[in-house]
Amino acid sequence: MTITIKDAQYCYPSQPRKMVLNISSWSVAEGEKTFLHGPSGGGKSTLLNVLSGLIQTTGSVSVFGQSLNEMSVRHRDKFRAENIGFVFQQFNLISYLDAIDNIKLASAFGSSQGGETLEREIKSLLADLNISVDEWSEPARNLSIGQQQRIAIARALINKPQLLIADEPTSSLDQVNRDIFMSLLMSIVKEHKITLLLVSHDMSLSTHFNSVVSLNEINLVGKQS
């Protein structure tokens, strides 16, 4: 299994009596494409942060057979960089860096090759994601929201992660670029045998996935509400 969760519970430190996640058992098979949906504020982003090792729960959370709960912070950071790609809702680009340098920065934490090979891969991804050459050297802050999001997507893919986690990755894209992105994403996932977990409110995207899960199906907090 790529993801295995058992008896995982999480409360925000500021609200220790208000449980956000309560998952007794959930797993995602290796190579599976899972579409996760649920209401706003229902804990979807929190779950993704748990799976990427950014926050910890009680119970057991394992990714590729490795227990995130038993790793040090440094070990989790290294494990995430080498195995997990993450497309954030807020992009988290460095505003003064251009597209290529933002992606190079992500590759520095992973195991991607450097030099000309890396440069070619970055430019190929940017072209495939319909970002024009003129925009490659623009600081991220000068680009549109949609352009920034596509750069964030390329950044998540550059290390060819075994697990790709995407939190509303098409929310700022128009229909044309959304379709381009989904086509590219599915092609890369298939080619590199990546396990994909995508969260979105756009149920039309669910047709691309072989597993569609409502958070309320697995989160006991959601079932109680």
C-alpha atoms as a PDB file:
ATOM      1  CA  MET A   1       0.000   0.000   0.000  1.00  0.00           C
ATOM      2  CA  THR A   2       1.107   3.558  -0.695  1.00  0.00           C
ATOM      3  CA  ILE A   3      -0.943   5.040   2.175  1.00  0.00           C
ATOM      4  CA  THR A   4      -2.131   3.272   5.304  1.00  0.00           C
ATOM      5  CA  ILE A   5      -3.921   5.057   8.149  1.00  0.00           C
ATOM      6  CA  LYS A   6      -5.079   3.423  11.386  1.00  0.00           C
ATOM      7  CA  ASP A   7      -6.737   5.107  14.369  1.00  0.00           C
ATOM      8  CA  ALA A   8      -5.515   8.556  13.359  1.00  0.00           C
ATOM      9  CA  GLN A   9      -6.928  11.529  15.252  1.00  0.00           C
ATOM     10  CA  TYR A  10      -6.023  15.184  15.037  1.00  0.00           C
ATOM     11  CA  CYS A  11      -7.044  18.374  16.853  1.00  0.00           C
ATOM     12  CA  TYR A  12      -5.633  21.820  16.170  1.00  0.00           C
ATOM     13  CA  PRO A  13      -3.307  22.843  19.020  1.00  0.00           C
ATOM     14  CA  SER A  14      -5.391  25.978  19.580  1.00  0.00           C
ATOM     15  CA  GLN A  15      -8.562  23.865  19.952  1.00  0.00           C
ATOM     16  CA  PRO A  16      -7.455  20.632  21.672  1.00  0.00           C
ATOM     17  CA  ARG A  17     -11.024  19.514  22.385  1.00  0.00           C
ATOM     18  CA  LYS A  18     -12.302  19.980  18.833  1.00  0.00           C
ATOM     19  CA  MET A  19     -11.387  16.982  16.700  1.00  0.00           C
ATOM     20  CA  VAL A  20     -10.822  17.617  12.996  1.00  0.00           C
ATOM     21  CA  LEU A  21      -9.845  14.121  11.869  1.00  0.00           C
ATOM     22  CA  ASN A  22     -10.845  10.750  13.270  1.00  0.00           C
ATOM     23  CA  ILE A  23      -9.985   8.003  10.783  1.00  0.00           C
ATOM     24  CA  SER A  24     -10.076   4.450  12.059  1.00  0.00           C
ATOM     25  CA  SER A  25      -8.841   2.828   8.843  1.00  0.00           C
ATOM     26  CA  TRP A  26      -8.071   3.962   5.289  1.00  0.00           C
ATOM     27  CA  SER A  27      -5.610   2.927   2.627  1.00  0.00           C
ATOM     28  CA  VAL A  28      -4.607   3.827  -0.922  1.00  0.00           C
ATOM     29  CA  ALA A  29      -3.040   1.149  -3.113  1.00  0.00           C
ATOM     30  CA  GLU A  30       0.179   1.726  -5.008  1.00  0.00           C
ATOM     31  CA  GLY A  31      -0.497   3.222  -8.426  1.00  0.00           C
ATOM     32  CA  GLU A  32      -4.076   4.148  -7.558  1.00  0.00           C
ATOM     33  CA  LYS A  33      -5.620   7.430  -8.676  1.00  0.00           C
ATOM     34  CA  THR A  34      -7.849   8.672  -5.848  1.00  0.00           C
ATOM     35  CA  PHE A  35     -10.205  11.632  -6.008  1.00  0.00           C
ATOM     36  CA  LEU A  36     -11.108  12.975  -2.553  1.00  0.00           C
ATOM     37  CA  HIS A  37     -13.997  15.366  -2.046  1.00  0.00           C
ATOM     38  CA  GLY A  38     -15.944  16.851   0.832  1.00  0.00           C
ATOM     39  CA  PRO A  39     -17.347  20.100   2.236  1.00  0.00           C
ATOM     40  CA  SER A  40     -15.204  23.159   2.905  1.00  0.00           C
ATOM     41  CA  GLY A  41     -13.771  23.077   6.400  1.00  0.00           C
ATOM     42  CA  GLY A  42     -14.265  19.318   6.600  1.00  0.00           C
ATOM     43  CA  GLY A  43     -10.592  18.488   7.101  1.00  0.00           C
ATOM     44  CA  LYS A  44      -9.424  17.658   3.559  1.00  0.00           C
ATOM     45  CA  SER A  45      -6.391  19.950   3.600  1.00  0.00           C
ATOM     46  CA  THR A  46      -5.565  18.802   7.124  1.00  0.00           C
ATOM     47  CA  LEU A  47      -5.544  15.196   5.932  1.00  0.00           C
ATOM     48  CA  LEU A  48      -3.199  16.077   3.072  1.00  0.00           C
ATOM     49  CA  ASN A  49      -0.843  17.812   5.506  1.00  0.00           C
ATOM     50  CA  VAL A  50      -0.884  14.674   7.669  1.00  0.00           C
ATOM     51  CA  LEU A  51      -0.034  12.469   4.690  1.00  0.00           C
ATOM     52  CA  SER A  52       2.865  14.704   3.673  1.00  0.00           C
ATOM     53  CA  GLY A  53       4.250  14.714   7.196  1.00  0.00           C
ATOM     54  CA  LEU A  54       3.684  18.407   7.806  1.00  0.00           C
ATOM     55  CA  ILE A  55       1.547  17.667  10.868  1.00  0.00           C
ATOM     56  CA  GLN A  56       1.297  14.549  13.024  1.00  0.00           C
ATOM     57  CA  THR A  57      -1.633  12.628  14.431  1.00  0.00           C
ATOM     58  CA  THR A  58      -2.104   9.982  17.064  1.00  0.00           C
ATOM     59  CA  GLY A  59      -2.392   6.434  15.759  1.00  0.00           C
ATOM     60  CA  SER A  60      -0.477   5.268  12.698  1.00  0.00           C
ATOM     61  CA  VAL A  61       0.152   6.963   9.345  1.00  0.00           C
ATOM     62  CA  SER A  62       2.416   5.124   6.894  1.00  0.00           C
ATOM     63  CA  VAL A  63       3.498   6.075   3.379  1.00  0.00           C
ATOM     64  CA  PHE A  64       5.262   3.426   1.266  1.00  0.00           C
ATOM     65  CA  GLY A  65       5.553   1.308   4.392  1.00  0.00           C
ATOM     66  CA  GLN A  66       7.390   4.040   6.292  1.00  0.00           C
ATOM     67  CA  SER A  67       5.782   5.264   9.522  1.00  0.00           C
ATOM     68  CA  LEU A  68       5.639   9.059   9.498  1.00  0.00           C
ATOM     69  CA  ASN A  69       4.911   9.026  13.230  1.00  0.00           C
ATOM     70  CA  GLU A  70       8.279   7.436  13.972  1.00  0.00           C
ATOM     71  CA  MET A  71      10.363   9.824  11.855  1.00  0.00           C
ATOM     72  CA  SER A  72      12.183  12.879  13.147  1.00  0.00           C
ATOM     73  CA  VAL A  73      11.261  16.232  11.617  1.00  0.00           C
ATOM     74  CA  ARG A  74      14.435  16.152   9.525  1.00  0.00           C
ATOM     75  CA  HIS A  75      13.732  12.604   8.345  1.00  0.00           C
ATOM     76  CA  ARG A  76      10.151  13.528   7.383  1.00  0.00           C
ATOM     77  CA  ASP A  77      11.401  16.538   5.408  1.00  0.00           C
ATOM     78  CA  LYS A  78      13.894  14.382   3.502  1.00  0.00           C
ATOM     79  CA  PHE A  79      11.328  11.617   2.941  1.00  0.00           C
ATOM     80  CA  ARG A  80       8.777  14.123   1.632  1.00  0.00           C
ATOM     81  CA  ALA A  81      11.268  15.771  -0.741  1.00  0.00           C
ATOM     82  CA  GLU A  82      12.327  12.447  -2.230  1.00  0.00           C
ATOM     83  CA  ASN A  83       8.953  10.697  -2.437  1.00  0.00           C
ATOM     84  CA  ILE A  84       6.039  13.153  -2.362  1.00  0.00           C
ATOM     85  CA  GLY A  85       5.078  15.948  -4.714  1.00  0.00           C
ATOM     86  CA  PHE A  86       2.615  18.489  -3.331  1.00  0.00           C
ATOM     87  CA  VAL A  87       0.529  21.064  -5.188  1.00  0.00           C
ATOM     88  CA  PHE A  88      -0.693  23.567  -2.594  1.00  0.00           C
ATOM     89  CA  GLN A  89      -3.794  25.734  -2.879  1.00  0.00           C
ATOM     90  CA  GLN A  90      -1.688  28.812  -2.099  1.00  0.00           C
ATOM     91  CA  PHE A  91       1.123  27.763  -4.487  1.00  0.00           C
ATOM     92  CA  ASN A  92       3.966  28.773  -2.074  1.00  0.00           C
ATOM     93  CA  LEU A  93       6.138  30.135  -4.875  1.00  0.00           C
ATOM     94  CA  ILE A  94       9.050  32.476  -4.083  1.00  0.00           C
ATOM     95  CA  SER A  95       7.616  35.736  -5.413  1.00  0.00           C
ATOM     96  CA  TYR A  96      10.896  37.257  -6.664  1.00  0.00           C
ATOM     97  CA  LEU A  97      12.136  34.103  -8.411  1.00  0.00           C
ATOM     98  CA  ASP A  98      11.140  33.233 -11.963  1.00  0.00           C
ATOM     99  CA  ALA A  99       9.442  30.015 -13.007  1.00  0.00           C
ATOM    100  CA  ILE A 100      12.625  28.090 -13.750  1.00  0.00           C
ATOM    101  CA  ASP A 101      14.336  29.067 -10.489  1.00  0.00           C
ATOM    102  CA  ASN A 102      11.235  28.234  -8.427  1.00  0.00           C
ATOM    103  CA  ILE A 103      11.278  24.751  -9.902  1.00  0.00           C
ATOM    104  CA  LYS A 104      15.044  24.390  -9.523  1.00  0.00           C
ATOM    105  CA  LEU A 105      14.666  25.226  -5.844  1.00  0.00           C
ATOM    106  CA  ALA A 106      12.286  22.294  -5.401  1.00  0.00           C
ATOM    107  CA  SER A 107      14.631  19.964  -7.267  1.00  0.00           C
ATOM    108  CA  ALA A 108      17.459  20.875  -4.897  1.00  0.00           C
ATOM    109  CA  PHE A 109      15.628  19.072  -2.092  1.00  0.00           C
ATOM    110  CA  GLY A 110      14.957  15.968  -4.131  1.00  0.00           C
ATOM    111  CA  SER A 111      17.003  13.588  -6.225  1.00  0.00           C
ATOM    112  CA  SER A 112      16.601  15.191  -9.662  1.00  0.00           C
ATOM    113  CA  GLN A 113      19.628  15.508 -11.908  1.00  0.00           C
ATOM    114  CA  GLY A 114      21.095  18.980 -12.200  1.00  0.00           C
ATOM    115  CA  GLY A 115      22.658  20.938 -15.039  1.00  0.00           C
ATOM    116  CA  GLU A 116      21.391  20.837 -18.602  1.00  0.00           C
ATOM    117  CA  THR A 117      19.248  17.738 -18.050  1.00  0.00           C
ATOM    118  CA  LEU A 118      17.271  19.455 -15.296  1.00  0.00           C
ATOM    119  CA  GLU A 119      16.949  22.625 -17.378  1.00  0.00           C
ATOM    120  CA  ARG A 120      15.512  20.651 -20.299  1.00  0.00           C
ATOM    121  CA  GLU A 121      13.038  18.842 -18.063  1.00  0.00           C
ATOM    122  CA  ILE A 122      11.851  22.094 -16.504  1.00  0.00           C
ATOM    123  CA  LYS A 123      11.373  23.797 -19.865  1.00  0.00           C
ATOM    124  CA  SER A 124       9.556  20.757 -21.243  1.00  0.00           C
ATOM    125  CA  LEU A 125       7.140  20.774 -18.293  1.00  0.00           C
ATOM    126  CA  LEU A 126       6.509  24.504 -18.598  1.00  0.00           C
ATOM    127  CA  ALA A 127       5.811  24.163 -22.318  1.00  0.00           C
ATOM    128  CA  ASP A 128       3.498  21.196 -21.746  1.00  0.00           C
ATOM    129  CA  LEU A 129       1.608  23.232 -19.150  1.00  0.00           C
ATOM    130  CA  ASN A 130       1.029  25.986 -21.723  1.00  0.00           C
ATOM    131  CA  ILE A 131       3.326  28.576 -20.124  1.00  0.00           C
ATOM    132  CA  SER A 132       4.926  30.706 -22.859  1.00  0.00           C
ATOM    133  CA  VAL A 133       8.689  31.156 -23.121  1.00  0.00           C
ATOM    134  CA  ASP A 134       8.326  34.879 -22.426  1.00  0.00           C
ATOM    135  CA  GLU A 135       6.899  34.087 -18.994  1.00  0.00           C
ATOM    136  CA  TRP A 136       9.676  31.715 -17.902  1.00  0.00           C
ATOM    137  CA  SER A 137      11.961  34.568 -16.821  1.00  0.00           C
ATOM    138  CA  GLU A 138       9.275  36.704 -15.157  1.00  0.00           C
ATOM    139  CA  PRO A 139       9.236  36.931 -11.343  1.00  0.00           C
ATOM    140  CA  ALA A 140       6.343  34.844 -10.037  1.00  0.00           C
ATOM    141  CA  ARG A 141       4.676  37.934  -8.531  1.00  0.00           C
ATOM    142  CA  ASN A 142       4.230  39.380 -12.044  1.00  0.00           C
ATOM    143  CA  LEU A 143       2.317  36.374 -13.338  1.00  0.00           C
ATOM    144  CA  SER A 144      -1.400  35.657 -13.217  1.00  0.00           C
ATOM    145  CA  ILE A 145      -2.890  33.348 -10.623  1.00  0.00           C
ATOM    146  CA  GLY A 146      -3.419  30.672 -13.259  1.00  0.00           C
ATOM    147  CA  GLN A 147       0.177  30.920 -14.448  1.00  0.00           C
ATOM    148  CA  GLN A 148       1.465  30.703 -10.880  1.00  0.00           C
ATOM    149  CA  GLN A 149      -0.623  27.612 -10.280  1.00  0.00           C
ATOM    150  CA  ARG A 150       0.764  25.863 -13.347  1.00  0.00           C
ATOM    151  CA  ILE A 151       4.312  26.649 -12.209  1.00  0.00           C
ATOM    152  CA  ALA A 152       3.445  25.154  -8.822  1.00  0.00           C
ATOM    153  CA  ILE A 153       2.222  22.041 -10.621  1.00  0.00           C
ATOM    154  CA  ALA A 154       5.465  21.771 -12.601  1.00  0.00           C
ATOM    155  CA  ARG A 155       7.432  22.216  -9.371  1.00  0.00           C
ATOM    156  CA  ALA A 156       5.554  19.292  -7.779  1.00  0.00           C
ATOM    157  CA  LEU A 157       6.254  17.059 -10.771  1.00  0.00           C
ATOM    158  CA  ILE A 158       9.931  17.835 -11.369  1.00  0.00           C
ATOM    159  CA  ASN A 159      11.257  15.228  -8.925  1.00  0.00           C
ATOM    160  CA  LYS A 160       8.994  12.532 -10.410  1.00  0.00           C
ATOM    161  CA  PRO A 161       7.510  11.684  -7.004  1.00  0.00           C
ATOM    162  CA  GLN A 162       6.111   8.258  -6.168  1.00  0.00           C
ATOM    163  CA  LEU A 163       3.114   9.950  -4.557  1.00  0.00           C
ATOM    164  CA  LEU A 164       1.563  13.155  -5.862  1.00  0.00           C
ATOM    165  CA  ILE A 165      -0.794  15.044  -3.560  1.00  0.00           C
ATOM    166  CA  ALA A 166      -2.808  17.872  -5.098  1.00  0.00           C
ATOM    167  CA  ASP A 167      -5.029  20.244  -3.128  1.00  0.00           C
ATOM    168  CA  GLU A 168      -7.532  21.904  -5.522  1.00  0.00           C
ATOM    169  CA  PRO A 169      -4.894  22.096  -8.305  1.00  0.00           C
ATOM    170  CA  THR A 170      -7.293  23.375 -10.990  1.00  0.00           C
ATOM    171  CA  SER A 171      -9.163  25.941  -8.907  1.00  0.00           C
ATOM    172  CA  SER A 172      -7.626  28.942 -10.706  1.00  0.00           C
ATOM    173  CA  LEU A 173      -7.514  27.482 -14.207  1.00  0.00           C
ATOM    174  CA  ASP A 174      -9.947  28.148 -17.021  1.00  0.00           C
ATOM    175  CA  GLN A 175     -11.508  25.148 -18.762  1.00  0.00           C
ATOM    176  CA  VAL A 176      -8.894  24.979 -21.532  1.00  0.00           C
ATOM    177  CA  ASN A 177      -5.933  25.006 -19.155  1.00  0.00           C
ATOM    178  CA  ARG A 178      -7.754  22.719 -16.718  1.00  0.00           C
ATOM    179  CA  ASP A 179      -8.169  20.129 -19.474  1.00  0.00           C
ATOM    180  CA  ILE A 180      -4.527  20.567 -20.541  1.00  0.00           C
ATOM    181  CA  PHE A 181      -3.393  20.083 -16.961  1.00  0.00           C
ATOM    182  CA  MET A 182      -5.516  16.982 -16.358  1.00  0.00           C
ATOM    183  CA  SER A 183      -4.339  15.408 -19.603  1.00  0.00           C
ATOM    184  CA  LEU A 184      -0.690  16.078 -18.732  1.00  0.00           C
ATOM    185  CA  LEU A 185      -1.154  14.944 -15.148  1.00  0.00           C
ATOM    186  CA  MET A 186      -2.707  11.625 -16.120  1.00  0.00           C
ATOM    187  CA  SER A 187      -0.015  11.059 -18.744  1.00  0.00           C
ATOM    188  CA  ILE A 188       2.796  11.674 -16.235  1.00  0.00           C
ATOM    189  CA  VAL A 189       1.087   9.569 -13.555  1.00  0.00           C
ATOM    190  CA  LYS A 190       0.767   6.666 -15.983  1.00  0.00           C
ATOM    191  CA  GLU A 191       4.270   6.989 -17.430  1.00  0.00           C
ATOM    192  CA  HIS A 192       6.021   7.127 -14.061  1.00  0.00           C
ATOM    193  CA  LYS A 193       3.575   4.880 -12.155  1.00  0.00           C
ATOM    194  CA  ILE A 194       2.807   7.621  -9.636  1.00  0.00           C
ATOM    195  CA  THR A 195       0.145   7.184  -6.981  1.00  0.00           C
ATOM    196  CA  LEU A 196      -2.163  10.214  -7.175  1.00  0.00           C
ATOM    197  CA  LEU A 197      -4.347  11.718  -4.457  1.00  0.00           C
ATOM    198  CA  LEU A 198      -6.259  14.789  -5.603  1.00  0.00           C
ATOM    199  CA  VAL A 199      -8.693  16.910  -3.622  1.00  0.00           C
ATOM    200  CA  SER A 200     -11.216  19.063  -5.445  1.00  0.00           C
ATOM    201  CA  HIS A 201     -14.734  20.458  -5.288  1.00  0.00           C
ATOM    202  CA  ASP A 202     -14.967  20.013  -9.074  1.00  0.00           C
ATOM    203  CA  MET A 203     -16.734  16.676  -9.340  1.00  0.00           C
ATOM    204  CA  SER A 204     -16.352  16.711 -13.136  1.00  0.00           C
ATOM    205  CA  LEU A 205     -12.699  15.786 -12.580  1.00  0.00           C
ATOM    206  CA  SER A 206     -13.674  12.554 -10.856  1.00  0.00           C
ATOM    207  CA  THR A 207     -14.099  10.808 -14.224  1.00  0.00           C
ATOM    208  CA  HIS A 208     -10.301  10.674 -14.507  1.00  0.00           C
ATOM    209  CA  PHE A 209      -9.959   8.574 -11.340  1.00  0.00           C
ATOM    210  CA  ASN A 210     -10.414   4.895 -10.511  1.00  0.00           C
ATOM    211  CA  SER A 211     -11.283   5.653  -6.880  1.00  0.00           C
ATOM    212  CA  VAL A 212     -13.650   8.402  -5.708  1.00  0.00           C
ATOM    213  CA  VAL A 213     -13.856   8.949  -1.945  1.00  0.00           C
ATOM    214  CA  SER A 214     -15.908  11.342   0.149  1.00  0.00           C
ATOM    215  CA  LEU A 215     -14.043  12.445   3.270  1.00  0.00           C
ATOM    216  CA  ASN A 216     -17.263  11.848   5.197  1.00  0.00           C
ATOM    217  CA  GLU A 217     -16.951   8.144   4.304  1.00  0.00           C
ATOM    218  CA  ILE A 218     -13.654   7.774   6.166  1.00  0.00           C
ATOM    219  CA  ASN A 219     -13.661  10.585   8.721  1.00  0.00           C
ATOM    220  CA  LEU A 220     -15.805   9.742  11.758  1.00  0.00           C
ATOM    221  CA  VAL A 221     -15.961  13.439  12.637  1.00  0.00           C
ATOM    222  CA  GLY A 222     -17.706  14.067   9.325  1.00  0.00           C
ATOM    223  CA  LYS A 223     -20.147  11.243   9.922  1.00  0.00           C
ATOM    224  CA  GLN A 224     -21.117  12.665  13.267  1.00  0.00           C
ATOM    225  CA  SER A 225     -21.829  16.127  11.900  1.00  0.00           C
END
